[in-house]
């Protein structure tokens, strides 16, 4: 039986994340059973909030992440090519999404532009390609407007305040689902799957913290 929710689920994402791109494709193929609000955030802000390093900041992890994303995309039949340069500064793309209302169509169009052509996202050509795909004039959007900047900043602060430590993350009520791999678990949660309330799951949620790094 599906579970009813008073408020929509919330997807926190940054276009710098290839996993967020793959999740976007997966949700296009099979949308969630509840409304989903998309909120762009600055991943770097979350890393700073929790004292993390990003996957791309550890060289072997960086390469493995790119290869694994490509492999998963091929398994899922998703058109996907890593950008020629990564990580990149995602700020103007995030502001563009905010300025255009963070709609599913806009989010998907940006992901498609960045992760199918092998482009350099910081190049003028890549930026122009996104604008052409969306059929918008960036000069008319006022991407430097205070309300656009503050919305992105507020989204990031709210995500950190809710314990969102990485992207993509979907929040349903107080429950957090991080990454593409958690999507089956999220769908089970929305169905009211009793396994998510099993004694083993309850035990997993009450594990005490043990040894700390020196």
N, C-alpha and C. Protein backbone atom coordinates (compact mmCIF):
# COMPACT_ATOMS: atom_id res chain seq x y z
N UNK A 1 0.84 -1.19 0.00
CA UNK A 1 0.00 0.00 0.00
C UNK A 1 0.88 1.24 0.00
N UNK A 2 0.56 2.20 -0.85
CA UNK A 2 1.33 3.44 -0.89
C UNK A 2 1.04 4.27 0.35
N UNK A 3 2.05 5.00 0.80
CA UNK A 3 1.93 5.87 1.96
C UNK A 3 1.64 7.29 1.50
N UNK A 4 0.73 7.99 2.21
CA UNK A 4 0.41 9.37 1.86
C UNK A 4 1.36 10.33 2.58
N UNK A 5 1.79 11.39 1.89
CA UNK A 5 2.68 12.38 2.47
C UNK A 5 2.06 13.75 2.30
N UNK A 6 2.11 14.54 3.40
CA UNK A 6 1.49 15.86 3.38
C UNK A 6 2.27 16.84 2.51
N UNK A 7 3.58 16.71 2.44
CA UNK A 7 4.39 17.63 1.66
C UNK A 7 5.19 16.85 0.63
N UNK A 8 5.62 17.52 -0.44
CA UNK A 8 6.35 16.80 -1.48
C UNK A 8 7.73 16.36 -1.00
N UNK A 9 8.26 15.36 -1.66
CA UNK A 9 9.65 15.00 -1.45
C UNK A 9 10.52 16.11 -2.03
N UNK A 10 11.74 16.24 -1.53
CA UNK A 10 12.65 17.29 -1.97
C UNK A 10 13.94 16.67 -2.47
N UNK A 11 14.32 17.02 -3.68
CA UNK A 11 15.59 16.58 -4.27
C UNK A 11 16.60 17.71 -4.18
N UNK A 12 17.66 17.49 -3.43
CA UNK A 12 18.78 18.42 -3.39
C UNK A 12 19.86 17.91 -4.35
N UNK A 13 20.32 18.78 -5.23
CA UNK A 13 21.27 18.34 -6.26
C UNK A 13 22.18 19.49 -6.66
N UNK A 14 23.30 19.12 -7.26
CA UNK A 14 24.21 20.08 -7.89
C UNK A 14 24.58 19.48 -9.23
N UNK A 15 24.62 20.30 -10.28
CA UNK A 15 24.94 19.78 -11.61
C UNK A 15 26.38 19.31 -11.71
N UNK A 16 27.21 19.61 -10.72
CA UNK A 16 28.57 19.11 -10.74
C UNK A 16 28.61 17.61 -10.51
N UNK A 17 27.55 17.03 -9.98
CA UNK A 17 27.52 15.61 -9.66
C UNK A 17 27.03 14.77 -10.82
N UNK A 18 27.87 13.88 -11.37
CA UNK A 18 27.38 12.98 -12.42
C UNK A 18 26.31 12.03 -11.90
N UNK A 19 26.37 11.70 -10.60
CA UNK A 19 25.34 10.84 -10.03
C UNK A 19 23.99 11.54 -10.04
N UNK A 20 23.99 12.85 -9.84
CA UNK A 20 22.73 13.60 -9.91
C UNK A 20 22.15 13.55 -11.32
N UNK A 21 23.03 13.57 -12.31
CA UNK A 21 22.57 13.43 -13.70
C UNK A 21 21.91 12.08 -13.92
N UNK A 22 22.55 11.02 -13.43
CA UNK A 22 21.98 9.68 -13.62
C UNK A 22 20.66 9.53 -12.86
N UNK A 23 20.58 10.12 -11.68
CA UNK A 23 19.32 10.06 -10.93
C UNK A 23 18.22 10.80 -11.68
N UNK A 24 18.56 11.94 -12.27
CA UNK A 24 17.58 12.69 -13.05
C UNK A 24 17.03 11.83 -14.18
N UNK A 25 17.91 11.11 -14.88
CA UNK A 25 17.46 10.21 -15.94
C UNK A 25 16.56 9.11 -15.40
N UNK A 26 16.95 8.53 -14.27
CA UNK A 26 16.15 7.44 -13.69
C UNK A 26 14.76 7.93 -13.31
N UNK A 27 14.66 9.15 -12.82
CA UNK A 27 13.36 9.70 -12.45
C UNK A 27 12.53 10.07 -13.67
N UNK A 28 13.20 10.40 -14.76
CA UNK A 28 12.45 10.62 -16.01
C UNK A 28 11.82 9.32 -16.48
N UNK A 29 12.58 8.23 -16.37
CA UNK A 29 12.09 6.94 -16.83
C UNK A 29 10.97 6.41 -15.93
N UNK A 30 11.11 6.66 -14.63
CA UNK A 30 10.10 6.18 -13.67
C UNK A 30 9.96 7.21 -12.55
N UNK A 31 9.05 8.16 -12.70
CA UNK A 31 8.88 9.19 -11.66
C UNK A 31 8.47 8.58 -10.33
N UNK A 32 8.72 9.32 -9.26
CA UNK A 32 8.29 8.88 -7.94
C UNK A 32 6.77 8.92 -7.83
N UNK A 33 6.25 8.22 -6.84
CA UNK A 33 4.81 8.17 -6.62
C UNK A 33 4.32 9.37 -5.82
N UNK A 34 5.21 10.32 -5.54
CA UNK A 34 4.83 11.54 -4.82
C UNK A 34 5.40 12.74 -5.57
N UNK A 35 4.85 13.93 -5.37
CA UNK A 35 5.44 15.12 -5.99
C UNK A 35 6.87 15.30 -5.51
N UNK A 36 7.71 15.82 -6.40
CA UNK A 36 9.13 16.00 -6.09
C UNK A 36 9.53 17.44 -6.40
N UNK A 37 9.96 18.16 -5.38
CA UNK A 37 10.47 19.52 -5.55
C UNK A 37 11.98 19.45 -5.74
N UNK A 38 12.48 20.12 -6.77
CA UNK A 38 13.91 20.13 -7.06
C UNK A 38 14.55 21.40 -6.52
N UNK A 39 15.58 21.23 -5.69
CA UNK A 39 16.27 22.38 -5.10
C UNK A 39 17.76 22.30 -5.40
N UNK A 40 18.26 23.15 -6.28
CA UNK A 40 19.70 23.18 -6.54
C UNK A 40 20.46 23.70 -5.33
N UNK A 41 21.60 23.10 -5.06
CA UNK A 41 22.48 23.53 -3.98
C UNK A 41 23.91 23.57 -4.49
N UNK A 42 24.76 24.23 -3.75
CA UNK A 42 26.18 24.25 -4.07
C UNK A 42 26.86 23.15 -3.26
N UNK A 43 27.28 22.08 -3.94
CA UNK A 43 27.88 20.93 -3.27
C UNK A 43 29.07 21.35 -2.43
N UNK A 44 29.85 22.30 -2.93
CA UNK A 44 31.01 22.77 -2.17
C UNK A 44 30.59 23.33 -0.82
N UNK A 45 29.42 23.94 -0.74
CA UNK A 45 28.93 24.45 0.52
C UNK A 45 28.63 23.33 1.51
N UNK A 46 28.10 22.22 1.01
CA UNK A 46 27.85 21.07 1.88
C UNK A 46 29.16 20.45 2.35
N UNK A 47 30.13 20.36 1.44
CA UNK A 47 31.44 19.83 1.83
C UNK A 47 32.05 20.67 2.94
N UNK A 48 31.95 21.98 2.80
CA UNK A 48 32.49 22.87 3.83
C UNK A 48 31.74 22.70 5.14
N UNK A 49 30.43 22.55 5.06
CA UNK A 49 29.62 22.44 6.27
C UNK A 49 29.96 21.20 7.09
N UNK A 50 30.31 20.12 6.40
CA UNK A 50 30.57 18.86 7.10
C UNK A 50 32.05 18.48 7.13
N UNK A 51 32.91 19.35 6.59
CA UNK A 51 34.34 19.06 6.61
C UNK A 51 34.74 17.88 5.75
N UNK A 52 34.06 17.71 4.63
CA UNK A 52 34.34 16.60 3.71
C UNK A 52 35.32 17.03 2.62
N UNK A 53 35.91 16.01 1.98
CA UNK A 53 36.50 16.18 0.66
C UNK A 53 35.53 15.62 -0.36
N UNK A 54 35.45 16.26 -1.51
CA UNK A 54 34.63 15.73 -2.58
C UNK A 54 35.31 14.55 -3.26
N UNK A 55 34.55 13.68 -3.93
CA UNK A 55 35.16 12.54 -4.62
C UNK A 55 36.25 12.94 -5.60
N UNK A 56 36.08 14.10 -6.25
CA UNK A 56 37.06 14.52 -7.25
C UNK A 56 38.34 15.06 -6.63
N UNK A 57 38.36 15.23 -5.31
CA UNK A 57 39.54 15.76 -4.65
C UNK A 57 40.52 14.67 -4.21
N UNK A 58 40.15 13.42 -4.46
CA UNK A 58 41.03 12.27 -4.19
C UNK A 58 41.26 11.59 -5.54
N UNK A 59 42.46 11.62 -6.05
CA UNK A 59 42.70 11.31 -7.46
C UNK A 59 42.19 9.94 -7.87
N UNK A 60 42.53 8.89 -7.12
CA UNK A 60 42.06 7.57 -7.53
C UNK A 60 40.54 7.44 -7.43
N UNK A 61 39.97 8.08 -6.42
CA UNK A 61 38.51 8.07 -6.28
C UNK A 61 37.86 8.84 -7.41
N UNK A 62 38.49 9.91 -7.85
CA UNK A 62 37.97 10.72 -8.96
C UNK A 62 37.83 9.88 -10.21
N UNK A 63 38.90 9.20 -10.60
CA UNK A 63 38.84 8.40 -11.82
C UNK A 63 37.85 7.26 -11.68
N UNK A 64 37.87 6.59 -10.52
CA UNK A 64 36.94 5.48 -10.33
C UNK A 64 35.50 5.95 -10.40
N UNK A 65 35.22 7.10 -9.81
CA UNK A 65 33.86 7.63 -9.84
C UNK A 65 33.39 7.87 -11.27
N UNK A 66 34.26 8.45 -12.09
CA UNK A 66 33.88 8.71 -13.48
C UNK A 66 33.63 7.41 -14.23
N UNK A 67 34.48 6.43 -13.99
CA UNK A 67 34.30 5.13 -14.66
C UNK A 67 33.04 4.43 -14.18
N UNK A 68 32.78 4.48 -12.87
CA UNK A 68 31.60 3.82 -12.34
C UNK A 68 30.32 4.48 -12.84
N UNK A 69 30.29 5.81 -12.89
CA UNK A 69 29.12 6.51 -13.43
C UNK A 69 28.87 6.12 -14.88
N UNK A 70 29.94 6.04 -15.65
CA UNK A 70 29.80 5.66 -17.06
C UNK A 70 29.30 4.24 -17.18
N UNK A 71 29.81 3.35 -16.34
CA UNK A 71 29.36 1.96 -16.35
C UNK A 71 27.88 1.84 -15.99
N UNK A 72 27.47 2.55 -14.93
CA UNK A 72 26.07 2.49 -14.52
C UNK A 72 25.16 3.06 -15.60
N UNK A 73 25.59 4.13 -16.24
CA UNK A 73 24.80 4.71 -17.33
C UNK A 73 24.62 3.70 -18.46
N UNK A 74 25.68 2.99 -18.80
CA UNK A 74 25.59 1.98 -19.85
C UNK A 74 24.66 0.84 -19.44
N UNK A 75 24.74 0.44 -18.18
CA UNK A 75 23.84 -0.61 -17.68
C UNK A 75 22.38 -0.19 -17.77
N UNK A 76 22.12 1.09 -17.50
CA UNK A 76 20.75 1.59 -17.46
C UNK A 76 20.27 2.10 -18.82
N UNK A 77 21.15 2.08 -19.82
CA UNK A 77 20.77 2.56 -21.14
C UNK A 77 20.59 4.06 -21.20
N UNK A 78 21.38 4.78 -20.39
CA UNK A 78 21.27 6.23 -20.32
C UNK A 78 22.37 6.85 -21.17
N UNK A 79 22.05 7.80 -22.06
CA UNK A 79 23.10 8.51 -22.81
C UNK A 79 23.93 9.34 -21.86
N UNK A 80 25.23 9.11 -21.83
CA UNK A 80 26.06 9.75 -20.81
C UNK A 80 27.52 9.77 -21.26
N UNK A 81 28.12 10.96 -21.20
CA UNK A 81 29.56 11.13 -21.43
C UNK A 81 30.05 12.13 -20.39
N UNK A 82 31.09 11.79 -19.64
CA UNK A 82 31.64 12.72 -18.67
C UNK A 82 32.13 13.98 -19.38
N UNK A 83 31.95 15.14 -18.74
CA UNK A 83 32.53 16.37 -19.30
C UNK A 83 34.04 16.24 -19.45
N UNK A 84 34.59 16.97 -20.40
CA UNK A 84 36.04 16.91 -20.64
C UNK A 84 36.83 17.48 -19.46
N UNK A 85 36.19 18.35 -18.68
CA UNK A 85 36.83 18.95 -17.50
C UNK A 85 35.90 18.75 -16.31
N UNK A 86 36.45 18.16 -15.25
CA UNK A 86 35.67 17.92 -14.04
C UNK A 86 36.63 17.74 -12.87
N UNK A 87 36.38 18.38 -11.74
CA UNK A 87 35.24 19.24 -11.42
C UNK A 87 35.32 20.58 -12.14
N UNK A 88 34.20 21.24 -12.19
CA UNK A 88 34.09 22.56 -12.80
C UNK A 88 33.29 23.46 -11.87
N UNK A 89 33.28 24.75 -12.15
CA UNK A 89 32.50 25.68 -11.35
C UNK A 89 31.04 25.64 -11.84
N UNK A 90 30.12 25.14 -11.01
CA UNK A 90 28.73 24.98 -11.47
C UNK A 90 27.84 26.18 -11.21
N UNK A 91 28.41 27.26 -10.64
CA UNK A 91 27.59 28.33 -10.08
C UNK A 91 26.62 28.94 -11.08
N UNK A 92 27.09 29.26 -12.28
CA UNK A 92 26.18 29.93 -13.22
C UNK A 92 25.08 28.99 -13.70
N UNK A 93 25.38 27.70 -13.80
CA UNK A 93 24.35 26.74 -14.19
C UNK A 93 23.29 26.60 -13.10
N UNK A 94 23.74 26.59 -11.85
CA UNK A 94 22.80 26.51 -10.73
C UNK A 94 21.93 27.76 -10.66
N UNK A 95 22.54 28.92 -10.86
CA UNK A 95 21.76 30.16 -10.86
C UNK A 95 20.77 30.19 -12.03
N UNK A 96 21.18 29.66 -13.15
CA UNK A 96 20.29 29.58 -14.30
C UNK A 96 19.06 28.74 -13.97
N UNK A 97 19.30 27.60 -13.35
CA UNK A 97 18.19 26.72 -12.96
C UNK A 97 17.26 27.43 -11.99
N UNK A 98 17.83 28.10 -11.00
CA UNK A 98 17.02 28.85 -10.03
C UNK A 98 16.20 29.92 -10.73
N UNK A 99 16.85 30.69 -11.61
CA UNK A 99 16.16 31.78 -12.30
C UNK A 99 15.01 31.28 -13.16
N UNK A 100 15.12 30.06 -13.64
CA UNK A 100 14.07 29.49 -14.50
C UNK A 100 13.08 28.62 -13.73
N UNK A 101 13.12 28.71 -12.41
CA UNK A 101 12.10 28.06 -11.60
C UNK A 101 12.40 26.65 -11.16
N UNK A 102 13.58 26.15 -11.45
CA UNK A 102 13.98 24.79 -11.02
C UNK A 102 12.97 23.73 -11.45
N UNK A 103 12.44 23.88 -12.64
CA UNK A 103 11.46 22.92 -13.13
C UNK A 103 12.16 21.64 -13.61
N UNK A 104 11.46 20.51 -13.65
CA UNK A 104 12.07 19.28 -14.14
C UNK A 104 12.65 19.42 -15.54
N UNK A 105 11.95 20.12 -16.42
CA UNK A 105 12.42 20.26 -17.80
C UNK A 105 13.73 21.04 -17.86
N UNK A 106 13.82 22.10 -17.08
CA UNK A 106 15.04 22.90 -17.07
C UNK A 106 16.21 22.10 -16.50
N UNK A 107 15.98 21.43 -15.38
CA UNK A 107 17.04 20.63 -14.75
C UNK A 107 17.54 19.57 -15.72
N UNK A 108 16.63 18.86 -16.37
CA UNK A 108 17.02 17.80 -17.30
C UNK A 108 17.78 18.36 -18.49
N UNK A 109 17.36 19.52 -18.99
CA UNK A 109 18.03 20.12 -20.14
C UNK A 109 19.47 20.49 -19.81
N UNK A 110 19.71 21.00 -18.61
CA UNK A 110 21.07 21.35 -18.21
C UNK A 110 21.92 20.10 -18.07
N UNK A 111 21.38 19.08 -17.43
CA UNK A 111 22.13 17.82 -17.31
C UNK A 111 22.45 17.24 -18.69
N UNK A 112 21.48 17.26 -19.59
CA UNK A 112 21.71 16.71 -20.93
C UNK A 112 22.81 17.46 -21.66
N UNK A 113 22.83 18.76 -21.49
CA UNK A 113 23.84 19.57 -22.18
C UNK A 113 25.24 19.30 -21.63
N UNK A 114 25.33 19.08 -20.33
CA UNK A 114 26.65 18.92 -19.70
C UNK A 114 27.19 17.51 -19.76
N UNK A 115 26.30 16.51 -19.83
CA UNK A 115 26.75 15.13 -19.67
C UNK A 115 26.43 14.22 -20.87
N UNK A 116 26.38 14.80 -22.05
CA UNK A 116 26.22 13.96 -23.24
C UNK A 116 27.22 14.28 -24.34
N UNK A 117 27.90 15.42 -24.23
CA UNK A 117 28.73 15.88 -25.35
C UNK A 117 30.22 15.85 -25.07
N UNK A 118 30.61 15.59 -23.82
CA UNK A 118 32.02 15.64 -23.49
C UNK A 118 32.58 17.04 -23.52
N UNK A 119 31.74 18.04 -23.26
CA UNK A 119 32.14 19.44 -23.35
C UNK A 119 32.97 19.86 -22.14
N UNK A 120 33.57 21.02 -22.23
CA UNK A 120 34.18 21.69 -21.08
C UNK A 120 33.12 22.64 -20.53
N UNK A 121 32.52 22.35 -19.38
CA UNK A 121 31.41 23.16 -18.88
C UNK A 121 31.76 24.62 -18.64
N UNK A 122 33.05 24.93 -18.49
CA UNK A 122 33.43 26.32 -18.23
C UNK A 122 33.72 27.09 -19.52
N UNK A 123 33.57 26.44 -20.66
CA UNK A 123 33.83 27.10 -21.94
C UNK A 123 32.63 27.93 -22.37
N UNK A 124 32.86 29.01 -23.12
CA UNK A 124 31.74 29.80 -23.65
C UNK A 124 30.82 28.97 -24.53
N UNK A 125 31.40 28.01 -25.26
CA UNK A 125 30.58 27.19 -26.16
C UNK A 125 29.58 26.33 -25.38
N UNK A 126 30.04 25.76 -24.27
CA UNK A 126 29.15 24.93 -23.46
C UNK A 126 28.02 25.76 -22.87
N UNK A 127 28.36 26.92 -22.35
CA UNK A 127 27.35 27.81 -21.77
C UNK A 127 26.34 28.23 -22.82
N UNK A 128 26.82 28.60 -23.99
CA UNK A 128 25.92 29.00 -25.06
C UNK A 128 25.04 27.84 -25.49
N UNK A 129 25.59 26.65 -25.50
CA UNK A 129 24.81 25.47 -25.86
C UNK A 129 23.66 25.23 -24.90
N UNK A 130 23.88 25.44 -23.61
CA UNK A 130 22.81 25.30 -22.63
C UNK A 130 21.73 26.33 -22.87
N UNK A 131 22.14 27.57 -23.11
CA UNK A 131 21.16 28.64 -23.34
C UNK A 131 20.32 28.37 -24.59
N UNK A 132 20.98 27.88 -25.63
CA UNK A 132 20.25 27.57 -26.86
C UNK A 132 19.29 26.42 -26.65
N UNK A 133 19.72 25.43 -25.88
CA UNK A 133 18.85 24.28 -25.61
C UNK A 133 17.59 24.73 -24.87
N UNK A 134 17.78 25.69 -23.96
CA UNK A 134 16.65 26.20 -23.17
C UNK A 134 15.91 27.33 -23.87
N UNK A 135 16.49 27.84 -24.97
CA UNK A 135 15.90 28.94 -25.72
C UNK A 135 15.69 30.18 -24.84
N UNK A 136 16.78 30.55 -24.14
CA UNK A 136 16.72 31.71 -23.27
C UNK A 136 17.91 32.63 -23.54
N UNK A 137 17.75 33.87 -23.16
CA UNK A 137 18.80 34.87 -23.24
C UNK A 137 19.27 35.15 -21.82
N UNK A 138 20.49 34.78 -21.51
CA UNK A 138 20.99 34.91 -20.14
C UNK A 138 20.96 36.34 -19.65
N UNK A 139 21.16 37.30 -20.54
CA UNK A 139 21.19 38.70 -20.13
C UNK A 139 19.84 39.16 -19.61
N UNK A 140 18.77 38.49 -20.03
CA UNK A 140 17.44 38.87 -19.58
C UNK A 140 17.05 38.17 -18.28
N UNK A 141 17.88 37.25 -17.81
CA UNK A 141 17.53 36.45 -16.64
C UNK A 141 18.03 37.05 -15.33
N UNK A 142 19.01 37.96 -15.41
CA UNK A 142 19.55 38.59 -14.21
C UNK A 142 20.07 37.54 -13.22
N UNK A 143 21.02 36.75 -13.69
CA UNK A 143 21.55 35.67 -12.87
C UNK A 143 22.30 36.16 -11.65
N UNK A 144 22.71 37.43 -11.67
CA UNK A 144 23.40 38.00 -10.51
C UNK A 144 22.44 38.73 -9.58
N UNK A 145 21.15 38.60 -9.82
CA UNK A 145 20.17 39.27 -8.97
C UNK A 145 20.24 38.74 -7.55
N UNK A 146 20.07 39.59 -6.55
CA UNK A 146 20.16 39.15 -5.16
C UNK A 146 19.22 38.00 -4.82
N UNK A 147 18.02 38.01 -5.40
CA UNK A 147 17.07 36.95 -5.07
C UNK A 147 17.51 35.60 -5.62
N UNK A 148 18.20 35.59 -6.76
CA UNK A 148 18.71 34.33 -7.32
C UNK A 148 19.86 33.81 -6.46
N UNK A 149 20.78 34.70 -6.12
CA UNK A 149 21.92 34.31 -5.27
C UNK A 149 21.44 33.81 -3.91
N UNK A 150 20.50 34.53 -3.32
CA UNK A 150 20.05 34.16 -1.98
C UNK A 150 19.28 32.85 -1.98
N UNK A 151 18.53 32.58 -3.06
CA UNK A 151 17.79 31.32 -3.12
C UNK A 151 18.76 30.13 -3.13
N UNK A 152 19.82 30.23 -3.91
CA UNK A 152 20.80 29.15 -3.96
C UNK A 152 21.51 29.01 -2.61
N UNK A 153 21.87 30.14 -2.02
CA UNK A 153 22.52 30.11 -0.71
C UNK A 153 21.60 29.52 0.35
N UNK A 154 20.34 29.93 0.33
CA UNK A 154 19.37 29.43 1.31
C UNK A 154 19.12 27.94 1.13
N UNK A 155 19.02 27.50 -0.14
CA UNK A 155 18.83 26.06 -0.40
C UNK A 155 19.97 25.25 0.21
N UNK A 156 21.20 25.75 0.02
CA UNK A 156 22.37 25.04 0.52
C UNK A 156 22.38 25.01 2.04
N UNK A 157 22.07 26.14 2.65
CA UNK A 157 22.04 26.20 4.12
C UNK A 157 20.94 25.31 4.69
N UNK A 158 19.79 25.30 4.02
CA UNK A 158 18.69 24.46 4.49
C UNK A 158 19.05 22.99 4.37
N UNK A 159 19.68 22.63 3.26
CA UNK A 159 20.08 21.24 3.07
C UNK A 159 21.05 20.81 4.17
N UNK A 160 22.07 21.63 4.44
CA UNK A 160 23.02 21.31 5.49
C UNK A 160 22.33 21.20 6.84
N UNK A 161 21.38 22.10 7.09
CA UNK A 161 20.66 22.07 8.35
C UNK A 161 19.81 20.82 8.52
N UNK A 162 19.40 20.23 7.41
CA UNK A 162 18.60 19.01 7.46
C UNK A 162 19.48 17.75 7.43
N UNK A 163 20.79 17.96 7.48
CA UNK A 163 21.71 16.82 7.51
C UNK A 163 22.06 16.26 6.15
N UNK A 164 21.76 16.99 5.09
CA UNK A 164 22.10 16.54 3.74
C UNK A 164 23.60 16.73 3.54
N UNK A 165 24.32 15.65 3.43
CA UNK A 165 25.78 15.70 3.39
C UNK A 165 26.35 15.51 1.99
N UNK A 166 25.51 15.10 1.04
CA UNK A 166 25.99 14.86 -0.32
C UNK A 166 24.87 15.01 -1.31
N UNK A 167 25.24 14.97 -2.59
CA UNK A 167 24.25 15.09 -3.66
C UNK A 167 24.45 13.94 -4.66
N UNK A 168 23.32 13.49 -5.22
CA UNK A 168 21.95 13.92 -4.98
C UNK A 168 21.37 13.27 -3.72
N UNK A 169 20.51 13.99 -3.05
CA UNK A 169 19.80 13.46 -1.88
C UNK A 169 18.33 13.82 -2.01
N UNK A 170 17.48 12.84 -1.71
CA UNK A 170 16.03 13.08 -1.68
C UNK A 170 15.57 12.95 -0.24
N UNK A 171 14.86 13.96 0.24
CA UNK A 171 14.27 13.95 1.57
C UNK A 171 12.78 13.68 1.44
N UNK A 172 12.31 12.69 2.20
CA UNK A 172 10.88 12.41 2.31
C UNK A 172 10.54 12.50 3.80
N UNK A 173 9.85 13.55 4.18
CA UNK A 173 9.66 13.78 5.61
C UNK A 173 11.03 14.00 6.24
N UNK A 174 11.33 13.23 7.27
CA UNK A 174 12.63 13.33 7.93
C UNK A 174 13.61 12.27 7.44
N UNK A 175 13.19 11.46 6.47
CA UNK A 175 14.04 10.36 6.00
C UNK A 175 14.86 10.81 4.79
N UNK A 176 16.11 10.46 4.80
CA UNK A 176 17.07 10.91 3.79
C UNK A 176 17.49 9.72 2.92
N UNK A 177 17.51 9.95 1.61
CA UNK A 177 17.94 8.92 0.65
C UNK A 177 19.02 9.53 -0.24
N UNK A 178 20.24 9.04 -0.08
CA UNK A 178 21.41 9.63 -0.75
C UNK A 178 21.85 8.77 -1.93
N UNK A 179 21.92 9.40 -3.08
CA UNK A 179 22.53 8.77 -4.24
C UNK A 179 21.59 7.91 -5.06
N UNK A 180 22.06 7.60 -6.26
CA UNK A 180 21.29 6.76 -7.18
C UNK A 180 20.99 5.40 -6.59
N UNK A 181 21.94 4.82 -5.86
CA UNK A 181 21.76 3.47 -5.33
C UNK A 181 20.64 3.39 -4.30
N UNK A 182 20.27 4.52 -3.71
CA UNK A 182 19.21 4.49 -2.69
C UNK A 182 17.82 4.56 -3.30
N UNK A 183 17.72 4.72 -4.62
CA UNK A 183 16.41 4.91 -5.26
C UNK A 183 15.47 3.72 -5.03
N UNK A 184 15.93 2.46 -5.15
CA UNK A 184 15.02 1.34 -4.83
C UNK A 184 14.51 1.38 -3.39
N UNK A 185 15.39 1.76 -2.47
CA UNK A 185 14.98 1.87 -1.06
C UNK A 185 13.94 2.97 -0.89
N UNK A 186 14.13 4.09 -1.58
CA UNK A 186 13.17 5.18 -1.52
C UNK A 186 11.82 4.73 -2.06
N UNK A 187 11.83 4.05 -3.18
CA UNK A 187 10.55 3.59 -3.76
C UNK A 187 9.86 2.62 -2.79
N UNK A 188 10.64 1.76 -2.13
CA UNK A 188 10.07 0.84 -1.15
C UNK A 188 9.46 1.61 0.01
N UNK A 189 10.15 2.64 0.45
CA UNK A 189 9.63 3.48 1.54
C UNK A 189 8.30 4.10 1.16
N UNK A 190 8.19 4.59 -0.06
CA UNK A 190 6.95 5.21 -0.51
C UNK A 190 5.81 4.20 -0.61
N UNK A 191 6.15 2.94 -0.83
CA UNK A 191 5.13 1.87 -0.86
C UNK A 191 4.75 1.40 0.53
N UNK A 192 5.46 1.87 1.56
CA UNK A 192 5.20 1.39 2.91
C UNK A 192 5.77 0.01 3.15
N UNK A 193 6.87 -0.33 2.50
CA UNK A 193 7.50 -1.65 2.64
C UNK A 193 7.84 -1.92 4.10
N UNK A 194 7.33 -3.01 4.68
CA UNK A 194 7.57 -3.28 6.11
C UNK A 194 9.02 -3.58 6.44
N UNK A 195 9.83 -3.92 5.46
CA UNK A 195 11.24 -4.22 5.75
C UNK A 195 11.97 -2.99 6.29
N UNK A 196 11.48 -1.81 5.95
CA UNK A 196 12.14 -0.60 6.43
C UNK A 196 11.85 -0.32 7.91
N UNK A 197 10.95 -1.10 8.49
CA UNK A 197 10.68 -0.99 9.94
C UNK A 197 11.05 -2.28 10.66
N UNK A 198 11.84 -3.12 10.00
CA UNK A 198 12.21 -4.41 10.59
C UNK A 198 13.14 -4.21 11.79
N UNK A 199 13.26 -5.22 12.66
CA UNK A 199 14.21 -5.12 13.78
C UNK A 199 15.64 -4.83 13.31
N UNK A 200 16.04 -5.41 12.19
CA UNK A 200 17.39 -5.16 11.68
C UNK A 200 17.56 -3.70 11.29
N UNK A 201 16.54 -3.10 10.65
CA UNK A 201 16.63 -1.69 10.27
C UNK A 201 16.63 -0.80 11.51
N UNK A 202 15.85 -1.16 12.51
CA UNK A 202 15.85 -0.39 13.74
C UNK A 202 17.21 -0.46 14.42
N UNK A 203 17.82 -1.63 14.37
CA UNK A 203 19.16 -1.78 14.95
C UNK A 203 20.18 -0.93 14.19
N UNK A 204 20.03 -0.89 12.87
CA UNK A 204 20.96 -0.10 12.05
C UNK A 204 20.86 1.38 12.40
N UNK A 205 19.69 1.82 12.78
CA UNK A 205 19.50 3.22 13.11
C UNK A 205 19.92 3.60 14.52
N UNK A 206 20.28 2.61 15.32
CA UNK A 206 20.64 2.91 16.71
C UNK A 206 22.05 2.44 17.06
N UNK A 207 22.88 2.23 16.04
CA UNK A 207 24.27 1.83 16.28
C UNK A 207 25.00 2.96 16.99
N UNK A 208 25.71 2.64 18.08
CA UNK A 208 26.46 3.64 18.82
C UNK A 208 27.79 3.93 18.16
N UNK A 209 28.23 5.18 18.27
CA UNK A 209 29.51 5.57 17.70
C UNK A 209 30.63 4.95 18.51
N UNK A 210 31.63 4.39 17.83
CA UNK A 210 32.73 3.74 18.51
C UNK A 210 34.02 4.54 18.45
N UNK A 211 35.08 3.90 17.95
CA UNK A 211 36.40 4.52 17.94
C UNK A 211 36.44 5.72 17.00
N UNK A 212 37.20 6.72 17.38
CA UNK A 212 37.40 7.91 16.56
C UNK A 212 38.83 7.97 16.09
N UNK A 213 39.04 8.60 14.94
CA UNK A 213 40.40 8.80 14.45
C UNK A 213 41.17 9.72 15.39
N UNK A 214 42.41 9.44 15.55
CA UNK A 214 43.25 10.29 16.39
C UNK A 214 43.50 11.61 15.69
